[in-house]
PDB file of N, CA and C in Angstrom:
ATOM      1  N   MET A   1     -12.608  -0.777   5.565  1.00  0.00           N
ATOM      2  CA  MET A   1     -11.173  -0.658   5.783  1.00  0.00           C
ATOM      3  C   MET A   1     -10.618   0.307   4.742  1.00  0.00           C
ATOM      4  N   LYS A   2      -9.650   1.076   5.165  1.00  0.00           N
ATOM      5  CA  LYS A   2      -8.982   2.023   4.286  1.00  0.00           C
ATOM      6  C   LYS A   2      -7.479   1.919   4.513  1.00  0.00           C
ATOM      7  N   VAL A   3      -6.684   2.116   3.463  1.00  0.00           N
ATOM      8  CA  VAL A   3      -5.223   2.081   3.583  1.00  0.00           C
ATOM      9  C   VAL A   3      -4.647   3.442   3.237  1.00  0.00           C
ATOM     10  N   GLN A   4      -3.502   3.725   3.836  1.00  0.00           N
ATOM     11  CA  GLN A   4      -2.766   4.941   3.497  1.00  0.00           C
ATOM     12  C   GLN A   4      -1.273   4.670   3.633  1.00  0.00           C
ATOM     13  N   ILE A   5      -0.491   5.440   2.912  1.00  0.00           N
ATOM     14  CA  ILE A   5       0.973   5.327   2.943  1.00  0.00           C
ATOM     15  C   ILE A   5       1.542   6.620   3.492  1.00  0.00           C
ATOM     16  N   ASP A   6       2.457   6.492   4.442  1.00  0.00           N
ATOM     17  CA  ASP A   6       3.198   7.635   4.961  1.00  0.00           C
ATOM     18  C   ASP A   6       4.358   7.883   3.989  1.00  0.00           C
ATOM     19  N   ALA A   7       4.219   8.921   3.169  1.00  0.00           N
ATOM     20  CA  ALA A   7       5.207   9.209   2.127  1.00  0.00           C
ATOM     21  C   ALA A   7       6.601   9.484   2.688  1.00  0.00           C
ATOM     22  N   GLU A   8       6.682   9.980   3.903  1.00  0.00           N
ATOM     23  CA  GLU A   8       7.993  10.256   4.495  1.00  0.00           C
ATOM     24  C   GLU A   8       8.721   8.982   4.893  1.00  0.00           C
ATOM     25  N   ARG A   9       7.995   7.913   5.161  1.00  0.00           N
ATOM     26  CA  ARG A   9       8.614   6.641   5.548  1.00  0.00           C
ATOM     27  C   ARG A   9       8.916   5.747   4.351  1.00  0.00           C
ATOM     28  N   CYS A  10       8.131   5.868   3.294  1.00  0.00           N
ATOM     29  CA  CYS A  10       8.269   4.988   2.130  1.00  0.00           C
ATOM     30  C   CYS A  10       9.652   5.161   1.490  1.00  0.00           C
ATOM     31  N   GLN A  11      10.308   4.027   1.240  1.00  0.00           N
ATOM     32  CA  GLN A  11      11.628   4.040   0.603  1.00  0.00           C
ATOM     33  C   GLN A  11      11.589   3.501  -0.823  1.00  0.00           C
ATOM     34  N   GLY A  12      10.398   3.119  -1.292  1.00  0.00           N
ATOM     35  CA  GLY A  12      10.253   2.690  -2.681  1.00  0.00           C
ATOM     36  C   GLY A  12      10.626   1.251  -2.962  1.00  0.00           C
ATOM     37  N   HIS A  13      10.516   0.373  -1.979  1.00  0.00           N
ATOM     38  CA  HIS A  13      10.824  -1.041  -2.212  1.00  0.00           C
ATOM     39  C   HIS A  13       9.828  -1.703  -3.163  1.00  0.00           C
ATOM     40  N   GLY A  14       8.597  -1.222  -3.185  1.00  0.00           N
ATOM     41  CA  GLY A  14       7.605  -1.718  -4.134  1.00  0.00           C
ATOM     42  C   GLY A  14       6.855  -2.966  -3.716  1.00  0.00           C
ATOM     43  N   ARG A  15       7.030  -3.392  -2.499  1.00  0.00           N
ATOM     44  CA  ARG A  15       6.333  -4.603  -2.065  1.00  0.00           C
ATOM     45  C   ARG A  15       4.827  -4.408  -2.057  1.00  0.00           C
ATOM     46  N   CYS A  16       4.373  -3.210  -1.716  1.00  0.00           N
ATOM     47  CA  CYS A  16       2.924  -2.957  -1.657  1.00  0.00           C
ATOM     48  C   CYS A  16       2.291  -3.171  -3.027  1.00  0.00           C
ATOM     49  N   TYR A  17       2.838  -2.570  -4.062  1.00  0.00           N
ATOM     50  CA  TYR A  17       2.212  -2.713  -5.372  1.00  0.00           C
ATOM     51  C   TYR A  17       2.532  -4.039  -6.042  1.00  0.00           C
ATOM     52  N   ASP A  18       3.558  -4.741  -5.601  1.00  0.00           N
ATOM     53  CA  ASP A  18       3.787  -6.108  -6.084  1.00  0.00           C
ATOM     54  C   ASP A  18       2.775  -7.077  -5.474  1.00  0.00           C
ATOM     55  N   LEU A  19       2.495  -6.906  -4.183  1.00  0.00           N
ATOM     56  CA  LEU A  19       1.589  -7.813  -3.484  1.00  0.00           C
ATOM     57  C   LEU A  19       0.117  -7.455  -3.662  1.00  0.00           C
ATOM     58  N   ALA A  20      -0.173  -6.189  -3.832  1.00  0.00           N
ATOM     59  CA  ALA A  20      -1.567  -5.736  -3.934  1.00  0.00           C
ATOM     60  C   ALA A  20      -1.703  -4.693  -5.049  1.00  0.00           C
ATOM     61  N   PRO A  21      -1.532  -5.106  -6.306  1.00  0.00           N
ATOM     62  CA  PRO A  21      -1.562  -4.138  -7.409  1.00  0.00           C
ATOM     63  C   PRO A  21      -2.911  -3.459  -7.611  1.00  0.00           C
ATOM     64  N   GLY A  22      -3.958  -4.023  -7.077  1.00  0.00           N
ATOM     65  CA  GLY A  22      -5.262  -3.390  -7.174  1.00  0.00           C
ATOM     66  C   GLY A  22      -5.470  -2.286  -6.159  1.00  0.00           C
ATOM     67  N   LEU A  23      -4.608  -2.236  -5.156  1.00  0.00           N
ATOM     68  CA  LEU A  23      -4.726  -1.241  -4.089  1.00  0.00           C
ATOM     69  C   LEU A  23      -3.634  -0.178  -4.134  1.00  0.00           C
ATOM     70  N   PHE A  24      -2.465  -0.569  -4.656  1.00  0.00           N
ATOM     71  CA  PHE A  24      -1.307   0.331  -4.647  1.00  0.00           C
ATOM     72  C   PHE A  24      -0.674   0.399  -6.026  1.00  0.00           C
ATOM     73  N   GLY A  25      -0.076   1.528  -6.303  1.00  0.00           N
ATOM     74  CA  GLY A  25       0.689   1.721  -7.525  1.00  0.00           C
ATOM     75  C   GLY A  25       1.971   2.434  -7.158  1.00  0.00           C
ATOM     76  N   ASP A  26       2.701   2.879  -8.171  1.00  0.00           N
ATOM     77  CA  ASP A  26       3.928   3.623  -7.898  1.00  0.00           C
ATOM     78  C   ASP A  26       3.879   4.964  -8.603  1.00  0.00           C
ATOM     79  N   ASP A  27       4.601   5.924  -8.025  1.00  0.00           N
ATOM     80  CA  ASP A  27       4.665   7.242  -8.648  1.00  0.00           C
ATOM     81  C   ASP A  27       5.809   7.265  -9.659  1.00  0.00           C
ATOM     82  N   ASP A  28       6.114   8.419 -10.188  1.00  0.00           N
ATOM     83  CA  ASP A  28       7.156   8.546 -11.210  1.00  0.00           C
ATOM     84  C   ASP A  28       8.546   8.170 -10.721  1.00  0.00           C
ATOM     85  N   GLU A  29       8.746   8.176  -9.406  1.00  0.00           N
ATOM     86  CA  GLU A  29      10.055   7.846  -8.833  1.00  0.00           C
ATOM     87  C   GLU A  29      10.088   6.450  -8.222  1.00  0.00           C
ATOM     88  N   GLY A  30       9.002   5.699  -8.338  1.00  0.00           N
ATOM     89  CA  GLY A  30       8.966   4.328  -7.835  1.00  0.00           C
ATOM     90  C   GLY A  30       8.474   4.178  -6.408  1.00  0.00           C
ATOM     91  N   TYR A  31       8.034   5.262  -5.806  1.00  0.00           N
ATOM     92  CA  TYR A  31       7.506   5.187  -4.445  1.00  0.00           C
ATOM     93  C   TYR A  31       6.050   4.740  -4.484  1.00  0.00           C
ATOM     94  N   GLY A  32       5.646   4.005  -3.463  1.00  0.00           N
ATOM     95  CA  GLY A  32       4.283   3.502  -3.398  1.00  0.00           C
ATOM     96  C   GLY A  32       3.270   4.605  -3.207  1.00  0.00           C
ATOM     97  N   GLN A  33       2.107   4.388  -3.792  1.00  0.00           N
ATOM     98  CA  GLN A  33       0.995   5.298  -3.576  1.00  0.00           C
ATOM     99  C   GLN A  33      -0.306   4.503  -3.598  1.00  0.00           C
ATOM    100  N   VAL A  34      -1.255   4.978  -2.848  1.00  0.00           N
ATOM    101  CA  VAL A  34      -2.556   4.330  -2.776  1.00  0.00           C
ATOM    102  C   VAL A  34      -3.337   4.685  -4.032  1.00  0.00           C
ATOM    103  N   LEU A  35      -3.988   3.693  -4.603  1.00  0.00           N
ATOM    104  CA  LEU A  35      -4.829   3.937  -5.766  1.00  0.00           C
ATOM    105  C   LEU A  35      -6.218   4.369  -5.305  1.00  0.00           C
ATOM    106  N   GLY A  36      -6.778   5.328  -5.987  1.00  0.00           N
ATOM    107  CA  GLY A  36      -8.120   5.799  -5.652  1.00  0.00           C
ATOM    108  C   GLY A  36      -8.164   6.476  -4.304  1.00  0.00           C
ATOM    109  N   ASP A  37      -9.262   6.242  -3.592  1.00  0.00           N
ATOM    110  CA  ASP A  37      -9.462   6.887  -2.302  1.00  0.00           C
ATOM    111  C   ASP A  37      -8.944   6.076  -1.123  1.00  0.00           C
ATOM    112  N   GLY A  38      -8.346   4.926  -1.403  1.00  0.00           N
ATOM    113  CA  GLY A  38      -7.776   4.104  -0.343  1.00  0.00           C
ATOM    114  C   GLY A  38      -8.736   3.114   0.282  1.00  0.00           C
ATOM    115  N   LEU A  39     -10.009   3.168  -0.104  1.00  0.00           N
ATOM    116  CA  LEU A  39     -10.968   2.197   0.431  1.00  0.00           C
ATOM    117  C   LEU A  39     -10.677   0.824  -0.151  1.00  0.00           C
ATOM    118  N   VAL A  40     -10.599  -0.151   0.717  1.00  0.00           N
ATOM    119  CA  VAL A  40     -10.310  -1.529   0.305  1.00  0.00           C
ATOM    120  C   VAL A  40     -11.634  -2.206  -0.059  1.00  0.00           C
ATOM    121  N   PRO A  41     -11.754  -2.679  -1.304  1.00  0.00           N
ATOM    122  CA  PRO A  41     -12.993  -3.336  -1.712  1.00  0.00           C
ATOM    123  C   PRO A  41     -13.236  -4.626  -0.919  1.00  0.00           C
ATOM    124  N   PRO A  42     -14.497  -5.004  -0.765  1.00  0.00           N
ATOM    125  CA  PRO A  42     -14.807  -6.267  -0.081  1.00  0.00           C
ATOM    126  C   PRO A  42     -14.043  -7.428  -0.724  1.00  0.00           C
ATOM    127  N   GLY A  43     -13.489  -8.266   0.114  1.00  0.00           N
ATOM    128  CA  GLY A  43     -12.720  -9.405  -0.356  1.00  0.00           C
ATOM    129  C   GLY A  43     -11.238  -9.135  -0.532  1.00  0.00           C
ATOM    130  N   GLN A  44     -10.814  -7.885  -0.422  1.00  0.00           N
ATOM    131  CA  GLN A  44      -9.402  -7.516  -0.585  1.00  0.00           C
ATOM    132  C   GLN A  44      -8.713  -7.192   0.739  1.00  0.00           C
ATOM    133  N   GLU A  45      -9.422  -7.383   1.839  1.00  0.00           N
ATOM    134  CA  GLU A  45      -8.860  -7.041   3.151  1.00  0.00           C
ATOM    135  C   GLU A  45      -7.584  -7.826   3.457  1.00  0.00           C
ATOM    136  N   GLN A  46      -7.576  -9.107   3.154  1.00  0.00           N
ATOM    137  CA  GLN A  46      -6.396  -9.936   3.428  1.00  0.00           C
ATOM    138  C   GLN A  46      -5.202  -9.481   2.587  1.00  0.00           C
ATOM    139  N   THR A  47      -5.461  -9.104   1.351  1.00  0.00           N
ATOM    140  CA  THR A  47      -4.395  -8.602   0.483  1.00  0.00           C
ATOM    141  C   THR A  47      -3.823  -7.297   1.044  1.00  0.00           C
ATOM    142  N   ALA A  48      -4.696  -6.435   1.543  1.00  0.00           N
ATOM    143  CA  ALA A  48      -4.246  -5.181   2.148  1.00  0.00           C
ATOM    144  C   ALA A  48      -3.383  -5.464   3.372  1.00  0.00           C
ATOM    145  N   ARG A  49      -3.821  -6.396   4.205  1.00  0.00           N
ATOM    146  CA  ARG A  49      -3.038  -6.737   5.405  1.00  0.00           C
ATOM    147  C   ARG A  49      -1.677  -7.336   5.037  1.00  0.00           C
ATOM    148  N   LEU A  50      -1.635  -8.111   3.959  1.00  0.00           N
ATOM    149  CA  LEU A  50      -0.375  -8.685   3.490  1.00  0.00           C
ATOM    150  C   LEU A  50       0.599  -7.578   3.082  1.00  0.00           C
ATOM    151  N   ALA A  51       0.102  -6.585   2.380  1.00  0.00           N
ATOM    152  CA  ALA A  51       0.951  -5.455   1.985  1.00  0.00           C
ATOM    153  C   ALA A  51       1.450  -4.696   3.208  1.00  0.00           C
ATOM    154  N   VAL A  52       0.570  -4.465   4.173  1.00  0.00           N
ATOM    155  CA  VAL A  52       0.958  -3.776   5.409  1.00  0.00           C
ATOM    156  C   VAL A  52       2.061  -4.560   6.125  1.00  0.00           C
ATOM    157  N   ALA A  53       1.890  -5.849   6.250  1.00  0.00           N
ATOM    158  CA  ALA A  53       2.848  -6.692   6.976  1.00  0.00           C
ATOM    159  C   ALA A  53       4.200  -6.793   6.277  1.00  0.00           C
ATOM    160  N   ASN A  54       4.225  -6.582   4.962  1.00  0.00           N
ATOM    161  CA  ASN A  54       5.467  -6.751   4.210  1.00  0.00           C
ATOM    162  C   ASN A  54       6.193  -5.452   3.891  1.00  0.00           C
ATOM    163  N   CYS A  55       5.706  -4.348   4.386  1.00  0.00           N
ATOM    164  CA  CYS A  55       6.394  -3.073   4.155  1.00  0.00           C
ATOM    165  C   CYS A  55       7.562  -2.972   5.137  1.00  0.00           C
ATOM    166  N   PRO A  56       8.802  -2.919   4.628  1.00  0.00           N
ATOM    167  CA  PRO A  56       9.972  -2.870   5.522  1.00  0.00           C
ATOM    168  C   PRO A  56      10.007  -1.638   6.427  1.00  0.00           C
ATOM    169  N   GLU A  57       9.469  -0.528   5.964  1.00  0.00           N
ATOM    170  CA  GLU A  57       9.499   0.709   6.746  1.00  0.00           C
ATOM    171  C   GLU A  57       8.244   0.914   7.587  1.00  0.00           C
ATOM    172  N   ARG A  58       7.286   0.002   7.457  1.00  0.00           N
ATOM    173  CA  ARG A  58       5.997   0.129   8.152  1.00  0.00           C
ATOM    174  C   ARG A  58       5.329   1.459   7.767  1.00  0.00           C
ATOM    175  N   ALA A  59       5.412   1.768   6.473  1.00  0.00           N
ATOM    176  CA  ALA A  59       4.853   3.018   5.956  1.00  0.00           C
ATOM    177  C   ALA A  59       3.365   2.925   5.637  1.00  0.00           C
ATOM    178  N   ILE A  60       2.829   1.718   5.608  1.00  0.00           N
ATOM    179  CA  ILE A  60       1.426   1.532   5.265  1.00  0.00           C
ATOM    180  C   ILE A  60       0.650   1.243   6.537  1.00  0.00           C
ATOM    181  N   GLU A  61      -0.520   1.864   6.636  1.00  0.00           N
ATOM    182  CA  GLU A  61      -1.397   1.562   7.765  1.00  0.00           C
ATOM    183  C   GLU A  61      -2.824   1.442   7.285  1.00  0.00           C
ATOM    184  N   THR A  62      -3.595   0.714   8.059  1.00  0.00           N
ATOM    185  CA  THR A  62      -5.022   0.576   7.785  1.00  0.00           C
ATOM    186  C   THR A  62      -5.795   1.414   8.789  1.00  0.00           C
ATOM    187  N   LEU A  63      -6.910   1.907   8.331  1.00  0.00           N
ATOM    188  CA  LEU A  63      -7.778   2.735   9.160  1.00  0.00           C
ATOM    189  C   LEU A  63      -9.137   2.076   9.257  1.00  0.00           C
TER     190      LEU A  63
END
């Protein structure tokens, strides 16, 4: 599983990095960004799905 953020949709609410700090971080302006290459480590799939489900703009998707 891999995650990505659509930067044009992200409004910087921060739910992704609050819910899944091992997968997401924030940039200098507070917008979400994927950490590393976006590959979700084994055992973190549920956390990734939680972040996807809680994004108000639906800016996060899994591949």
